[in-house]
């Protein structure tokens, strides 16, 4: 019974109470030791990070291009629809003034000319 140790008592860590500063300026923050090689990483780790960054950038670029292409397709579809509507209205106006068969002949001729130009 002579070897009775206090099981519940734990030693006080140095992190909780650092003590008073020697110069008396307790309002300043504690400085840590200067370690110039502390933030360095290995060459392999840096190359892996670069590869991962390049892959991420490539994926971002691909997604942006995809979104841009989709937007351009949508815009082009709207333009085509408007052009077709205007052409249809123009032919209807012509049909009011001219005979139907003559309008159809002009349509065919215009389509031929359009194909020759493009």
PDB file of N, CA and C in Angstrom:
ATOM      1  N   UNK A   1       0.799  -1.180   0.000  1.00  0.00           N
ATOM      2  CA  UNK A   1       0.000   0.000   0.000  1.00  0.00           C
ATOM      3  C   UNK A   1       0.849   1.254   0.000  1.00  0.00           C
ATOM      4  N   UNK A   2       2.102   1.103  -0.008  1.00  0.00           N
ATOM      5  CA  UNK A   2       2.983   2.260  -0.014  1.00  0.00           C
ATOM      6  C   UNK A   2       3.055   2.896  -1.388  1.00  0.00           C
ATOM      7  N   UNK A   3       2.732   2.139  -2.452  1.00  0.00           N
ATOM      8  CA  UNK A   3       2.795   2.669  -3.818  1.00  0.00           C
ATOM      9  C   UNK A   3       1.442   3.182  -4.271  1.00  0.00           C
ATOM     10  N   UNK A   4       0.897   4.146  -3.657  1.00  0.00           N
ATOM     11  CA  UNK A   4      -0.376   4.725  -4.067  1.00  0.00           C
ATOM     12  C   UNK A   4      -0.091   5.954  -4.906  1.00  0.00           C
ATOM     13  N   UNK A   5      -0.497   5.896  -6.154  1.00  0.00           N
ATOM     14  CA  UNK A   5      -0.309   7.024  -7.069  1.00  0.00           C
ATOM     15  C   UNK A   5      -1.655   7.671  -7.357  1.00  0.00           C
ATOM     16  N   UNK A   6      -1.627   8.945  -7.630  1.00  0.00           N
ATOM     17  CA  UNK A   6      -2.859   9.654  -7.978  1.00  0.00           C
ATOM     18  C   UNK A   6      -3.172   9.388  -9.441  1.00  0.00           C
ATOM     19  N   UNK A   7      -4.187   8.601  -9.690  1.00  0.00           N
ATOM     20  CA  UNK A   7      -4.557   8.222 -11.044  1.00  0.00           C
ATOM     21  C   UNK A   7      -5.294   9.358 -11.743  1.00  0.00           C
ATOM     22  N   UNK A   8      -6.107  10.103 -11.056  1.00  0.00           N
ATOM     23  CA  UNK A   8      -6.935  11.152 -11.640  1.00  0.00           C
ATOM     24  C   UNK A   8      -6.152  12.417 -11.979  1.00  0.00           C
ATOM     25  N   UNK A   9      -4.996  12.645 -11.430  1.00  0.00           N
ATOM     26  CA  UNK A   9      -4.247  13.877 -11.661  1.00  0.00           C
ATOM     27  C   UNK A   9      -3.453  13.775 -12.953  1.00  0.00           C
ATOM     28  N   UNK A  10      -3.622  14.786 -13.839  1.00  0.00           N
ATOM     29  CA  UNK A  10      -2.884  14.808 -15.105  1.00  0.00           C
ATOM     30  C   UNK A  10      -1.950  16.004 -15.096  1.00  0.00           C
ATOM     31  N   UNK A  11      -0.818  15.909 -15.744  1.00  0.00           N
ATOM     32  CA  UNK A  11       0.116  17.038 -15.758  1.00  0.00           C
ATOM     33  C   UNK A  11      -0.445  18.201 -16.577  1.00  0.00           C
ATOM     34  N   UNK A  12      -0.187  19.420 -16.162  1.00  0.00           N
ATOM     35  CA  UNK A  12      -0.669  20.618 -16.852  1.00  0.00           C
ATOM     36  C   UNK A  12       0.207  20.832 -18.076  1.00  0.00           C
ATOM     37  N   UNK A  13      -0.435  20.979 -19.245  1.00  0.00           N
ATOM     38  CA  UNK A  13       0.341  21.124 -20.479  1.00  0.00           C
ATOM     39  C   UNK A  13       0.900  22.531 -20.591  1.00  0.00           C
ATOM     40  N   UNK A  14       1.970  22.663 -21.326  1.00  0.00           N
ATOM     41  CA  UNK A  14       2.624  23.953 -21.489  1.00  0.00           C
ATOM     42  C   UNK A  14       1.827  24.855 -22.435  1.00  0.00           C
ATOM     43  N   UNK A  15       0.943  24.283 -23.249  1.00  0.00           N
ATOM     44  CA  UNK A  15       0.181  25.072 -24.207  1.00  0.00           C
ATOM     45  C   UNK A  15      -0.904  25.925 -23.539  1.00  0.00           C
ATOM     46  N   UNK A  16      -1.443  25.453 -22.458  1.00  0.00           N
ATOM     47  CA  UNK A  16      -2.539  26.192 -21.837  1.00  0.00           C
ATOM     48  C   UNK A  16      -2.043  27.436 -21.109  1.00  0.00           C
ATOM     49  N   UNK A  17      -0.940  27.330 -20.368  1.00  0.00           N
ATOM     50  CA  UNK A  17      -0.393  28.485 -19.646  1.00  0.00           C
ATOM     51  C   UNK A  17       1.078  28.642 -20.007  1.00  0.00           C
ATOM     52  N   UNK A  18       1.386  29.525 -20.967  1.00  0.00           N
ATOM     53  CA  UNK A  18       2.781  29.668 -21.370  1.00  0.00           C
ATOM     54  C   UNK A  18       3.640  30.423 -20.351  1.00  0.00           C
ATOM     55  N   UNK A  19       3.036  31.195 -19.493  1.00  0.00           N
ATOM     56  CA  UNK A  19       3.806  31.945 -18.501  1.00  0.00           C
ATOM     57  C   UNK A  19       4.034  33.371 -18.963  1.00  0.00           C
ATOM     58  N   UNK A  20       4.729  34.135 -18.158  1.00  0.00           N
ATOM     59  CA  UNK A  20       4.976  35.532 -18.482  1.00  0.00           C
ATOM     60  C   UNK A  20       6.150  35.655 -19.443  1.00  0.00           C
ATOM     61  N   UNK A  21       6.100  36.692 -20.290  1.00  0.00           N
ATOM     62  CA  UNK A  21       7.207  36.949 -21.205  1.00  0.00           C
ATOM     63  C   UNK A  21       8.343  37.605 -20.435  1.00  0.00           C
ATOM     64  N   UNK A  22       9.546  37.345 -20.900  1.00  0.00           N
ATOM     65  CA  UNK A  22      10.719  37.854 -20.189  1.00  0.00           C
ATOM     66  C   UNK A  22      10.809  39.381 -20.292  1.00  0.00           C
ATOM     67  N   UNK A  23      10.456  39.923 -21.496  1.00  0.00           N
ATOM     68  CA  UNK A  23      10.588  41.365 -21.668  1.00  0.00           C
ATOM     69  C   UNK A  23       9.410  42.145 -21.084  1.00  0.00           C
ATOM     70  N   UNK A  24       8.380  41.468 -20.611  1.00  0.00           N
ATOM     71  CA  UNK A  24       7.268  42.142 -19.978  1.00  0.00           C
ATOM     72  C   UNK A  24       6.164  42.597 -20.929  1.00  0.00           C
ATOM     73  N   UNK A  25       6.285  42.337 -22.205  1.00  0.00           N
ATOM     74  CA  UNK A  25       5.273  42.780 -23.179  1.00  0.00           C
ATOM     75  C   UNK A  25       4.270  41.646 -23.416  1.00  0.00           C
ATOM     76  N   UNK A  26       3.402  41.465 -22.440  1.00  0.00           N
ATOM     77  CA  UNK A  26       2.452  40.354 -22.522  1.00  0.00           C
ATOM     78  C   UNK A  26       1.386  40.575 -23.579  1.00  0.00           C
ATOM     79  N   UNK A  27       1.187  41.788 -24.041  1.00  0.00           N
ATOM     80  CA  UNK A  27       0.136  42.049 -25.032  1.00  0.00           C
ATOM     81  C   UNK A  27       0.548  41.613 -26.437  1.00  0.00           C
ATOM     82  N   UNK A  28       1.852  41.385 -26.677  1.00  0.00           N
ATOM     83  CA  UNK A  28       2.295  40.887 -27.980  1.00  0.00           C
ATOM     84  C   UNK A  28       2.007  39.397 -28.102  1.00  0.00           C
ATOM     85  N   UNK A  29       1.818  38.951 -29.352  1.00  0.00           N
ATOM     86  CA  UNK A  29       1.574  37.519 -29.576  1.00  0.00           C
ATOM     87  C   UNK A  29       2.880  36.751 -29.461  1.00  0.00           C
ATOM     88  N   UNK A  30       2.751  35.491 -29.044  1.00  0.00           N
ATOM     89  CA  UNK A  30       3.931  34.648 -28.925  1.00  0.00           C
ATOM     90  C   UNK A  30       4.466  34.311 -30.314  1.00  0.00           C
ATOM     91  N   UNK A  31       5.758  34.377 -30.485  1.00  0.00           N
ATOM     92  CA  UNK A  31       6.375  34.034 -31.762  1.00  0.00           C
ATOM     93  C   UNK A  31       6.871  32.600 -31.703  1.00  0.00           C
ATOM     94  N   UNK A  32       6.818  31.961 -32.859  1.00  0.00           N
ATOM     95  CA  UNK A  32       7.350  30.603 -32.921  1.00  0.00           C
ATOM     96  C   UNK A  32       8.728  30.644 -33.566  1.00  0.00           C
ATOM     97  N   UNK A  33       9.458  29.574 -33.491  1.00  0.00           N
ATOM     98  CA  UNK A  33      10.808  29.516 -34.035  1.00  0.00           C
ATOM     99  C   UNK A  33      10.761  29.592 -35.556  1.00  0.00           C
ATOM    100  N   UNK A  34      11.743  30.230 -36.164  1.00  0.00           N
ATOM    101  CA  UNK A  34      11.832  30.363 -37.624  1.00  0.00           C
ATOM    102  C   UNK A  34      12.362  29.071 -38.210  1.00  0.00           C
ATOM    103  N   UNK A  35      11.533  28.424 -39.044  1.00  0.00           N
ATOM    104  CA  UNK A  35      11.940  27.170 -39.678  1.00  0.00           C
ATOM    105  C   UNK A  35      11.816  27.359 -41.190  1.00  0.00           C
ATOM    106  N   UNK A  36      12.920  27.668 -41.886  1.00  0.00           N
ATOM    107  CA  UNK A  36      12.846  27.989 -43.313  1.00  0.00           C
ATOM    108  C   UNK A  36      12.409  26.833 -44.207  1.00  0.00           C
ATOM    109  N   UNK A  37      12.626  25.594 -43.793  1.00  0.00           N
ATOM    110  CA  UNK A  37      12.271  24.452 -44.647  1.00  0.00           C
ATOM    111  C   UNK A  37      10.932  23.839 -44.275  1.00  0.00           C
ATOM    112  N   UNK A  38      10.170  24.494 -43.405  1.00  0.00           N
ATOM    113  CA  UNK A  38       8.927  23.903 -42.896  1.00  0.00           C
ATOM    114  C   UNK A  38       7.851  23.789 -43.973  1.00  0.00           C
ATOM    115  N   UNK A  39       7.719  24.778 -44.896  1.00  0.00           N
ATOM    116  CA  UNK A  39       6.634  24.771 -45.869  1.00  0.00           C
ATOM    117  C   UNK A  39       6.959  24.080 -47.173  1.00  0.00           C
ATOM    118  N   UNK A  40       8.105  23.485 -47.275  1.00  0.00           N
ATOM    119  CA  UNK A  40       8.487  22.862 -48.545  1.00  0.00           C
ATOM    120  C   UNK A  40       7.834  21.504 -48.724  1.00  0.00           C
ATOM    121  N   UNK A  41       7.514  21.222 -50.002  1.00  0.00           N
ATOM    122  CA  UNK A  41       6.938  19.913 -50.322  1.00  0.00           C
ATOM    123  C   UNK A  41       7.883  19.178 -51.267  1.00  0.00           C
ATOM    124  N   UNK A  42       7.701  17.897 -51.392  1.00  0.00           N
ATOM    125  CA  UNK A  42       8.586  17.115 -52.245  1.00  0.00           C
ATOM    126  C   UNK A  42       8.235  17.335 -53.718  1.00  0.00           C
ATOM    127  N   UNK A  43       9.187  17.026 -54.585  1.00  0.00           N
ATOM    128  CA  UNK A  43       9.005  17.206 -56.026  1.00  0.00           C
ATOM    129  C   UNK A  43       7.856  16.343 -56.540  1.00  0.00           C
ATOM    130  N   UNK A  44       7.754  15.123 -56.048  1.00  0.00           N
ATOM    131  CA  UNK A  44       6.686  14.223 -56.490  1.00  0.00           C
ATOM    132  C   UNK A  44       5.309  14.794 -56.141  1.00  0.00           C
ATOM    133  N   UNK A  45       5.210  15.341 -54.927  1.00  0.00           N
ATOM    134  CA  UNK A  45       3.933  15.899 -54.499  1.00  0.00           C
ATOM    135  C   UNK A  45       3.561  17.109 -55.356  1.00  0.00           C
ATOM    136  N   UNK A  46       4.566  17.953 -55.661  1.00  0.00           N
ATOM    137  CA  UNK A  46       4.297  19.125 -56.504  1.00  0.00           C
ATOM    138  C   UNK A  46       3.861  18.706 -57.901  1.00  0.00           C
ATOM    139  N   UNK A  47       4.514  17.693 -58.467  1.00  0.00           N
ATOM    140  CA  UNK A  47       4.124  17.239 -59.812  1.00  0.00           C
ATOM    141  C   UNK A  47       2.718  16.649 -59.798  1.00  0.00           C
ATOM    142  N   UNK A  48       2.377  15.915 -58.745  1.00  0.00           N
ATOM    143  CA  UNK A  48       1.020  15.368 -58.638  1.00  0.00           C
ATOM    144  C   UNK A  48      -0.005  16.487 -58.562  1.00  0.00           C
ATOM    145  N   UNK A  49       0.302  17.515 -57.781  1.00  0.00           N
ATOM    146  CA  UNK A  49      -0.618  18.645 -57.666  1.00  0.00           C
ATOM    147  C   UNK A  49      -0.779  19.353 -59.009  1.00  0.00           C
ATOM    148  N   UNK A  50       0.326  19.499 -59.740  1.00  0.00           N
ATOM    149  CA  UNK A  50       0.261  20.146 -61.062  1.00  0.00           C
ATOM    150  C   UNK A  50      -0.589  19.334 -62.028  1.00  0.00           C
ATOM    151  N   UNK A  51      -0.407  18.016 -61.998  1.00  0.00           N
ATOM    152  CA  UNK A  51      -1.209  17.149 -62.874  1.00  0.00           C
ATOM    153  C   UNK A  51      -2.692  17.263 -62.537  1.00  0.00           C
ATOM    154  N   UNK A  52      -2.995  17.257 -61.238  1.00  0.00           N
ATOM    155  CA  UNK A  52      -4.387  17.370 -60.815  1.00  0.00           C
ATOM    156  C   UNK A  52      -4.970  18.714 -61.243  1.00  0.00           C
ATOM    157  N   UNK A  53      -4.184  19.784 -61.106  1.00  0.00           N
ATOM    158  CA  UNK A  53      -4.643  21.117 -61.497  1.00  0.00           C
ATOM    159  C   UNK A  53      -4.877  21.172 -63.003  1.00  0.00           C
ATOM    160  N   UNK A  54      -3.953  20.591 -63.785  1.00  0.00           N
ATOM    161  CA  UNK A  54      -4.109  20.587 -65.245  1.00  0.00           C
ATOM    162  C   UNK A  54      -5.357  19.813 -65.654  1.00  0.00           C
ATOM    163  N   UNK A  55      -5.604  18.673 -65.009  1.00  0.00           N
ATOM    164  CA  UNK A  55      -6.797  17.881 -65.322  1.00  0.00           C
ATOM    165  C   UNK A  55      -8.064  18.660 -64.990  1.00  0.00           C
ATOM    166  N   UNK A  56      -8.042  19.360 -63.851  1.00  0.00           N
ATOM    167  CA  UNK A  56      -9.212  20.145 -63.454  1.00  0.00           C
ATOM    168  C   UNK A  56      -9.455  21.280 -64.453  1.00  0.00           C
ATOM    169  N   UNK A  57      -8.369  21.959 -64.861  1.00  0.00           N
ATOM    170  CA  UNK A  57      -8.500  23.061 -65.822  1.00  0.00           C
ATOM    171  C   UNK A  57      -9.046  22.548 -67.151  1.00  0.00           C
ATOM    172  N   UNK A  58      -8.562  21.382 -67.593  1.00  0.00           N
ATOM    173  CA  UNK A  58      -9.032  20.810 -68.857  1.00  0.00           C
ATOM    174  C   UNK A  58     -10.522  20.489 -68.773  1.00  0.00           C
ATOM    175  N   UNK A  59     -10.945  19.919 -67.653  1.00  0.00           N
ATOM    176  CA  UNK A  59     -12.359  19.582 -67.463  1.00  0.00           C
ATOM    177  C   UNK A  59     -13.216  20.846 -67.451  1.00  0.00           C
ATOM    178  N   UNK A  60     -12.722  21.898 -66.760  1.00  0.00           N
ATOM    179  CA  UNK A  60     -13.447  23.176 -66.731  1.00  0.00           C
ATOM    180  C   UNK A  60     -13.593  23.743 -68.137  1.00  0.00           C
ATOM    181  N   UNK A  61     -12.496  23.713 -68.904  1.00  0.00           N
ATOM    182  CA  UNK A  61     -12.511  24.257 -70.266  1.00  0.00           C
ATOM    183  C   UNK A  61     -13.494  23.475 -71.132  1.00  0.00           C
ATOM    184  N   UNK A  62     -13.476  22.156 -70.985  1.00  0.00           N
ATOM    185  CA  UNK A  62     -14.395  21.312 -71.756  1.00  0.00           C
ATOM    186  C   UNK A  62     -15.851  21.653 -71.424  1.00  0.00           C
ATOM    187  N   UNK A  63     -16.138  21.830 -70.139  1.00  0.00           N
ATOM    188  CA  UNK A  63     -17.501  22.146 -69.714  1.00  0.00           C
ATOM    189  C   UNK A  63     -17.925  23.523 -70.217  1.00  0.00           C
ATOM    190  N   UNK A  64     -17.000  24.499 -70.166  1.00  0.00           N
ATOM    191  CA  UNK A  64     -17.315  25.840 -70.652  1.00  0.00           C
ATOM    192  C   UNK A  64     -17.579  25.822 -72.149  1.00  0.00           C
ATOM    193  N   UNK A  65     -16.728  25.088 -72.902  1.00  0.00           N
ATOM    194  CA  UNK A  65     -16.915  24.998 -74.350  1.00  0.00           C
ATOM    195  C   UNK A  65     -18.245  24.342 -74.689  1.00  0.00           C
ATOM    196  N   UNK A  66     -18.592  23.305 -73.927  1.00  0.00           N
ATOM    197  CA  UNK A  66     -19.857  22.601 -74.144  1.00  0.00           C
ATOM    198  C   UNK A  66     -21.040  23.551 -73.931  1.00  0.00           C
ATOM    199  N   UNK A  67     -20.957  24.331 -72.858  1.00  0.00           N
ATOM    200  CA  UNK A  67     -22.025  25.284 -72.548  1.00  0.00           C
ATOM    201  C   UNK A  67     -22.109  26.356 -73.629  1.00  0.00           C
ATOM    202  N   UNK A  68     -20.953  26.827 -74.096  1.00  0.00           N
ATOM    203  CA  UNK A  68     -20.911  27.853 -75.135  1.00  0.00           C
ATOM    204  C   UNK A  68     -21.515  27.318 -76.441  1.00  0.00           C
ATOM    205  N   UNK A  69     -21.146  26.075 -76.807  1.00  0.00           N
ATOM    206  CA  UNK A  69     -21.693  25.469 -78.028  1.00  0.00           C
ATOM    207  C   UNK A  69     -23.209  25.315 -77.936  1.00  0.00           C
ATOM    208  N   UNK A  70     -23.683  24.883 -76.772  1.00  0.00           N
ATOM    209  CA  UNK A  70     -25.127  24.719 -76.585  1.00  0.00           C
ATOM    210  C   UNK A  70     -25.840  26.055 -76.750  1.00  0.00           C
ATOM    211  N   UNK A  71     -25.255  27.102 -76.191  1.00  0.00           N
ATOM    212  CA  UNK A  71     -25.834  28.445 -76.305  1.00  0.00           C
ATOM    213  C   UNK A  71     -25.850  28.904 -77.764  1.00  0.00           C
ATOM    214  N   UNK A  72     -24.755  28.651 -78.495  1.00  0.00           N
ATOM    215  CA  UNK A  72     -24.683  29.045 -79.907  1.00  0.00           C
ATOM    216  C   UNK A  72     -25.719  28.286 -80.739  1.00  0.00           C
ATOM    217  N   UNK A  73     -25.898  26.985 -80.443  1.00  0.00           N
ATOM    218  CA  UNK A  73     -26.917  26.195 -81.150  1.00  0.00           C
ATOM    219  C   UNK A  73     -28.307  26.776 -80.915  1.00  0.00           C
ATOM    220  N   UNK A  74     -28.561  27.145 -79.675  1.00  0.00           N
ATOM    221  CA  UNK A  74     -29.871  27.718 -79.319  1.00  0.00           C
ATOM    222  C   UNK A  74     -30.090  29.032 -80.070  1.00  0.00           C
ATOM    223  N   UNK A  75     -29.076  29.888 -80.077  1.00  0.00           N
ATOM    224  CA  UNK A  75     -29.173  31.178 -80.765  1.00  0.00           C
ATOM    225  C   UNK A  75     -29.392  30.974 -82.260  1.00  0.00           C
ATOM    226  N   UNK A  76     -28.642  30.033 -82.844  1.00  0.00           N
ATOM    227  CA  UNK A  76     -28.764  29.769 -84.283  1.00  0.00           C
ATOM    228  C   UNK A  76     -30.147  29.231 -84.621  1.00  0.00           C
ATOM    229  N   UNK A  77     -30.704  28.379 -83.759  1.00  0.00           N
ATOM    230  CA  UNK A  77     -32.049  27.843 -83.995  1.00  0.00           C
ATOM    231  C   UNK A  77     -33.080  28.972 -83.990  1.00  0.00           C
ATOM    232  N   UNK A  78     -32.936  29.903 -83.060  1.00  0.00           N
ATOM    233  CA  UNK A  78     -33.859  31.046 -82.997  1.00  0.00           C
ATOM    234  C   UNK A  78     -33.742  31.889 -84.261  1.00  0.00           C
ATOM    235  N   UNK A  79     -32.502  32.147 -84.703  1.00  0.00           N
ATOM    236  CA  UNK A  79     -32.292  32.956 -85.917  1.00  0.00           C
ATOM    237  C   UNK A  79     -32.894  32.279 -87.144  1.00  0.00           C
ATOM    238  N   UNK A  80     -32.692  30.955 -87.246  1.00  0.00           N
ATOM    239  CA  UNK A  80     -33.242  30.213 -88.383  1.00  0.00           C
ATOM    240  C   UNK A  80     -34.769  30.271 -88.388  1.00  0.00           C
ATOM    241  N   UNK A  81     -35.340  30.108 -87.191  1.00  0.00           N
ATOM    242  CA  UNK A  81     -36.802  30.142 -87.078  1.00  0.00           C
ATOM    243  C   UNK A  81     -37.350  31.509 -87.499  1.00  0.00           C
ATOM    244  N   UNK A  82     -36.681  32.578 -87.054  1.00  0.00           N
ATOM    245  CA  UNK A  82     -37.125  33.929 -87.413  1.00  0.00           C
ATOM    246  C   UNK A  82     -37.003  34.176 -88.909  1.00  0.00           C
ATOM    247  N   UNK A  83     -35.889  33.709 -89.494  1.00  0.00           N
ATOM    248  CA  UNK A  83     -35.690  33.903 -90.932  1.00  0.00           C
ATOM    249  C   UNK A  83     -36.767  33.165 -91.729  1.00  0.00           C
ATOM    250  N   UNK A  84     -37.079  31.937 -91.314  1.00  0.00           N
ATOM    251  CA  UNK A  84     -38.110  31.162 -91.999  1.00  0.00           C
ATOM    252  C   UNK A  84     -39.471  31.851 -91.884  1.00  0.00           C
ATOM    253  N   UNK A  85     -39.745  32.417 -90.707  1.00  0.00           N
ATOM    254  CA  UNK A  85     -41.012  33.102 -90.497  1.00  0.00           C
ATOM    255  C   UNK A  85     -41.113  34.339 -91.386  1.00  0.00           C
ATOM    256  N   UNK A  86     -40.014  35.116 -91.469  1.00  0.00           N
ATOM    257  CA  UNK A  86     -40.011  36.310 -92.314  1.00  0.00           C
ATOM    258  C   UNK A  86     -40.193  35.939 -93.788  1.00  0.00           C
ATOM    259  N   UNK A  87     -39.513  34.871 -94.214  1.00  0.00           N
ATOM    260  CA  UNK A  87     -39.627  34.434 -95.612  1.00  0.00           C
ATOM    261  C   UNK A  87     -41.058  33.993 -95.917  1.00  0.00           C
ATOM    262  N   UNK A  88     -41.654  33.279 -94.965  1.00  0.00           N
ATOM    263  CA  UNK A  88     -43.030  32.816 -95.157  1.00  0.00           C
ATOM    264  C   UNK A  88     -43.990  34.005 -95.273  1.00  0.00           C
ATOM    265  N   UNK A  89     -43.782  34.997 -94.411  1.00  0.00           N
ATOM    266  CA  UNK A  89     -44.628  36.196 -94.472  1.00  0.00           C
ATOM    267  C   UNK A  89     -44.438  36.942 -95.797  1.00  0.00           C
ATOM    268  N   UNK A  90     -43.201  36.978 -96.265  1.00  0.00           N
ATOM    269  CA  UNK A  90     -42.926  37.665 -97.531  1.00  0.00           C
ATOM    270  C   UNK A  90     -43.638  36.965 -98.693  1.00  0.00           C
ATOM    271  N   UNK A  91     -43.586  35.631 -98.705  1.00  0.00           N
ATOM    272  CA  UNK A  91     -44.268  34.888 -99.774  1.00  0.00           C
ATOM    273  C   UNK A  91     -45.788  35.045 -99.685  1.00  0.00           C
ATOM    274  N   UNK A  92     -46.307  35.119 -98.461  1.00  0.00           N
ATOM    275  CA  UNK A  92     -47.752  35.330 -98.305  1.00  0.00           C
ATOM    276  C   UNK A  92     -48.171  36.695 -98.838  1.00  0.00           C
ATOM    277  N   UNK A  93     -47.333  37.691 -98.596  1.00  0.00           N
ATOM    278  CA  UNK A  93     -47.613  39.029 -99.125  1.00  0.00           C
ATOM    279  C   UNK A  93     -47.584  39.029-100.647  1.00  0.00           C
ATOM    280  N   UNK A  94     -46.592  38.295-101.201  1.00  0.00           N
ATOM    281  CA  UNK A  94     -46.499  38.202-102.661  1.00  0.00           C
ATOM    282  C   UNK A  94     -47.711  37.476-103.224  1.00  0.00           C
ATOM    283  N   UNK A  95     -48.182  36.460-102.514  1.00  0.00           N
ATOM    284  CA  UNK A  95     -49.318  35.670-102.979  1.00  0.00           C
ATOM    285  C   UNK A  95     -50.603  36.498-103.021  1.00  0.00           C
ATOM    286  N   UNK A  96     -50.691  37.494-102.140  1.00  0.00           N
ATOM    287  CA  UNK A  96     -51.860  38.370-102.172  1.00  0.00           C
ATOM    288  C   UNK A  96     -51.923  39.156-103.474  1.00  0.00           C
ATOM    289  N   UNK A  97     -50.738  39.552-103.968  1.00  0.00           N
ATOM    290  CA  UNK A  97     -50.682  40.378-105.174  1.00  0.00           C
ATOM    291  C   UNK A  97     -50.643  39.542-106.451  1.00  0.00           C
ATOM    292  N   UNK A  98     -49.894  38.398-106.397  1.00  0.00           N
ATOM    293  CA  UNK A  98     -49.697  37.591-107.604  1.00  0.00           C
ATOM    294  C   UNK A  98     -50.463  36.281-107.523  1.00  0.00           C
ATOM    295  N   UNK A  99     -50.389  35.559-108.626  1.00  0.00           N
ATOM    296  CA  UNK A  99     -51.009  34.241-108.693  1.00  0.00           C
ATOM    297  C   UNK A  99     -50.164  33.245-107.900  1.00  0.00           C
ATOM    298  N   UNK A 100     -50.804  32.226-107.333  1.00  0.00           N
ATOM    299  CA  UNK A 100     -50.130  31.242-106.491  1.00  0.00           C
ATOM    300  C   UNK A 100     -49.020  30.494-107.228  1.00  0.00           C
ATOM    301  N   UNK A 101     -49.286  30.097-108.484  1.00  0.00           N
ATOM    302  CA  UNK A 101     -48.294  29.329-109.239  1.00  0.00           C
ATOM    303  C   UNK A 101     -47.046  30.160-109.520  1.00  0.00           C
ATOM    304  N   UNK A 102     -47.212  31.445-109.757  1.00  0.00           N
ATOM    305  CA  UNK A 102     -46.065  32.304-110.031  1.00  0.00           C
ATOM    306  C   UNK A 102     -45.210  32.455-108.762  1.00  0.00           C
ATOM    307  N   UNK A 103     -45.860  32.547-107.621  1.00  0.00           N
ATOM    308  CA  UNK A 103     -45.139  32.645-106.347  1.00  0.00           C
ATOM    309  C   UNK A 103     -44.324  31.365-106.115  1.00  0.00           C
ATOM    310  N   UNK A 104     -44.910  30.217-106.397  1.00  0.00           N
ATOM    311  CA  UNK A 104     -44.181  28.955-106.221  1.00  0.00           C
ATOM    312  C   UNK A 104     -42.979  28.886-107.159  1.00  0.00           C
ATOM    313  N   UNK A 105     -43.134  29.377-108.401  1.00  0.00           N
ATOM    314  CA  UNK A 105     -42.013  29.419-109.347  1.00  0.00           C
ATOM    315  C   UNK A 105     -40.885  30.300-108.801  1.00  0.00           C
ATOM    316  N   UNK A 106     -41.259  31.469-108.268  1.00  0.00           N
ATOM    317  CA  UNK A 106     -40.257  32.374-107.703  1.00  0.00           C
ATOM    318  C   UNK A 106     -39.547  31.739-106.504  1.00  0.00           C
ATOM    319  N   UNK A 107     -40.292  31.014-105.693  1.00  0.00           N
ATOM    320  CA  UNK A 107     -39.694  30.311-104.548  1.00  0.00           C
ATOM    321  C   UNK A 107     -38.614  29.345-105.012  1.00  0.00           C
ATOM    322  N   UNK A 108     -38.971  28.529-106.016  1.00  0.00           N
ATOM    323  CA  UNK A 108     -38.010  27.543-106.532  1.00  0.00           C
ATOM    324  C   UNK A 108     -36.775  28.230-107.096  1.00  0.00           C
ATOM    325  N   UNK A 109     -36.978  29.320-107.833  1.00  0.00           N
ATOM    326  CA  UNK A 109     -35.863  30.048-108.435  1.00  0.00           C
ATOM    327  C   UNK A 109     -34.950  30.632-107.345  1.00  0.00           C
ATOM    328  N   UNK A 110     -35.571  31.208-106.296  1.00  0.00           N
ATOM    329  CA  UNK A 110     -34.791  31.777-105.206  1.00  0.00           C
ATOM    330  C   UNK A 110     -33.991  30.700-104.476  1.00  0.00           C
ATOM    331  N   UNK A 111     -34.585  29.524-104.280  1.00  0.00           N
ATOM    332  CA  UNK A 111     -33.866  28.440-103.634  1.00  0.00           C
ATOM    333  C   UNK A 111     -32.670  27.999-104.462  1.00  0.00           C
ATOM    334  N   UNK A 112     -32.856  27.934-105.798  1.00  0.00           N
ATOM    335  CA  UNK A 112     -31.732  27.568-106.680  1.00  0.00           C
ATOM    336  C   UNK A 112     -30.610  28.593-106.559  1.00  0.00           C
ATOM    337  N   UNK A 113     -30.987  29.886-106.587  1.00  0.00           N
ATOM    338  CA  UNK A 113     -29.981  30.945-106.499  1.00  0.00           C
ATOM    339  C   UNK A 113     -29.257  30.900-105.151  1.00  0.00           C
ATOM    340  N   UNK A 114     -30.021  30.607-104.089  1.00  0.00           N
ATOM    341  CA  UNK A 114     -29.421  30.526-102.755  1.00  0.00           C
ATOM    342  C   UNK A 114     -28.412  29.401-102.696  1.00  0.00           C
ATOM    343  N   UNK A 115     -28.761  28.250-103.300  1.00  0.00           N
ATOM    344  CA  UNK A 115     -27.843  27.109-103.308  1.00  0.00           C
ATOM    345  C   UNK A 115     -26.598  27.422-104.137  1.00  0.00           C
ATOM    346  N   UNK A 116     -26.753  28.141-105.240  1.00  0.00           N
ATOM    347  CA  UNK A 116     -25.604  28.489-106.068  1.00  0.00           C
ATOM    348  C   UNK A 116     -24.666  29.448-105.365  1.00  0.00           C
ATOM    349  N   UNK A 117     -25.220  30.362-104.578  1.00  0.00           N
ATOM    350  CA  UNK A 117     -24.393  31.345-103.878  1.00  0.00           C
ATOM    351  C   UNK A 117     -23.608  30.727-102.739  1.00  0.00           C
ATOM    352  N   UNK A 118     -24.206  29.766-102.051  1.00  0.00           N
ATOM    353  CA  UNK A 118     -23.528  29.207-100.870  1.00  0.00           C
ATOM    354  C   UNK A 118     -22.556  28.106-101.208  1.00  0.00           C
TER     355      UNK A 118
END
